[in-house]
């Protein structure tokens, strides 16, 4: 296999070992600004409707919604979070649900 330049990643050197393409590149920093979400304004209206579930976000996959639910449970203990699929096939997206269940932690 001839090493080639990866057009998807600018200037990332590419090499091949045993027919496996390797792209040498530093990982993207965690919490990229485009992916960060300010959850306070999203969750605030739920305080006025205790124990009532709301869809707070739809994500590309149920796995992403589930991961978000796990992360949010750790940061927002006054809320419950759940993830569900939008359909029973491969085109399903993930829906992230939340509800306020206790006193806000200040």
Protein backbone atom coordinates (compact mmCIF):
# COMPACT_ATOMS: atom_id res chain seq x y z
CA UNK A 1 0.00 0.00 0.00
CA UNK A 2 1.39 3.38 -0.98
CA UNK A 3 1.26 6.09 1.71
CA UNK A 4 -1.14 8.83 0.70
CA UNK A 5 -2.26 12.14 2.04
CA UNK A 6 -5.59 12.06 3.86
CA UNK A 7 -7.72 14.79 2.30
CA UNK A 8 -10.15 14.84 5.25
CA UNK A 9 -7.44 16.01 7.66
CA UNK A 10 -5.25 18.87 6.50
CA UNK A 11 -1.53 18.16 6.66
CA UNK A 12 -1.88 14.94 8.70
CA UNK A 13 0.94 12.57 7.75
CA UNK A 14 -0.26 9.14 6.66
CA UNK A 15 1.62 5.85 6.58
CA UNK A 16 0.67 2.23 6.08
CA UNK A 17 1.64 -0.90 7.98
CA UNK A 18 0.40 -4.31 6.81
CA UNK A 19 -2.36 -2.70 4.72
CA UNK A 20 -3.60 -0.64 7.67
CA UNK A 21 -3.63 3.11 7.11
CA UNK A 22 -2.31 5.12 10.05
CA UNK A 23 -2.97 8.85 10.33
CA UNK A 24 -0.57 10.64 12.66
CA UNK A 25 -2.47 13.42 14.36
CA UNK A 26 -2.94 14.92 17.83
CA UNK A 27 -6.38 14.23 19.37
CA UNK A 28 -8.98 16.95 19.27
CA UNK A 29 -9.19 18.70 22.66
CA UNK A 30 -11.99 17.58 24.94
CA UNK A 31 -14.98 19.85 25.24
CA UNK A 32 -14.62 21.52 21.88
CA UNK A 33 -16.66 24.75 21.95
CA UNK A 34 -18.88 23.51 19.12
CA UNK A 35 -19.88 20.48 21.21
CA UNK A 36 -20.25 22.17 24.60
CA UNK A 37 -23.76 22.84 25.82
CA UNK A 38 -24.79 25.25 28.55
CA UNK A 39 -27.34 23.06 30.34
CA UNK A 40 -28.45 25.61 32.96
CA UNK A 41 -30.89 27.50 30.67
CA UNK A 42 -32.15 24.22 29.21
CA UNK A 43 -32.87 22.65 32.61
CA UNK A 44 -34.14 25.79 34.39
CA UNK A 45 -37.73 25.60 33.04
CA UNK A 46 -38.05 22.03 34.37
CA UNK A 47 -37.87 23.34 37.95
CA UNK A 48 -41.33 24.88 37.47
CA UNK A 49 -42.70 21.45 36.42
CA UNK A 50 -41.35 18.97 38.98
CA UNK A 51 -41.39 15.27 38.05
CA UNK A 52 -42.62 16.04 34.53
CA UNK A 53 -40.46 14.53 31.78
CA UNK A 54 -39.31 16.67 28.85
CA UNK A 55 -37.22 15.96 25.76
CA UNK A 56 -34.27 18.32 26.18
CA UNK A 57 -32.19 17.21 23.20
CA UNK A 58 -32.19 14.88 20.20
CA UNK A 59 -28.81 13.39 19.29
CA UNK A 60 -27.61 11.41 16.26
CA UNK A 61 -27.62 8.07 18.16
CA UNK A 62 -29.18 6.60 21.29
CA UNK A 63 -25.64 5.80 22.48
CA UNK A 64 -24.80 9.52 22.45
CA UNK A 65 -28.02 10.33 24.30
CA UNK A 66 -27.23 7.63 26.86
CA UNK A 67 -23.70 8.95 27.33
CA UNK A 68 -25.05 12.47 27.82
CA UNK A 69 -27.54 11.17 30.41
CA UNK A 70 -24.75 9.50 32.40
CA UNK A 71 -22.62 12.65 32.35
CA UNK A 72 -25.52 14.92 33.29
CA UNK A 73 -26.55 12.70 36.23
CA UNK A 74 -23.17 13.38 37.81
CA UNK A 75 -23.40 17.16 37.38
CA UNK A 76 -27.10 17.82 38.04
CA UNK A 77 -28.21 15.71 41.01
CA UNK A 78 -31.58 17.44 41.32
CA UNK A 79 -32.62 16.02 37.94
CA UNK A 80 -33.22 12.60 36.45
CA UNK A 81 -32.10 11.82 32.91
CA UNK A 82 -33.06 9.05 30.50
CA UNK A 83 -32.20 8.18 26.91
CA UNK A 84 -34.52 6.52 24.43
CA UNK A 85 -34.50 5.68 20.74
CA UNK A 86 -36.78 7.46 18.30
CA UNK A 87 -37.37 4.32 16.18
CA UNK A 88 -36.72 0.60 15.94
CA UNK A 89 -34.38 0.70 12.94
CA UNK A 90 -30.88 1.90 12.05
CA UNK A 91 -32.13 5.41 11.28
CA UNK A 92 -33.06 5.91 14.94
CA UNK A 93 -31.84 8.97 16.76
CA UNK A 94 -31.41 9.30 20.50
CA UNK A 95 -33.73 11.40 22.61
CA UNK A 96 -32.47 12.78 25.90
CA UNK A 97 -35.17 13.23 28.56
CA UNK A 98 -34.89 15.13 31.82
CA UNK A 99 -37.06 15.97 34.81
CA UNK A 100 -36.59 17.93 38.00
CA UNK A 101 -36.97 15.77 41.11
CA UNK A 102 -35.55 17.74 44.00
CA UNK A 103 -34.28 20.98 45.36
CA UNK A 104 -31.75 22.75 43.17
CA UNK A 105 -28.18 22.34 44.41
CA UNK A 106 -26.62 25.79 44.74
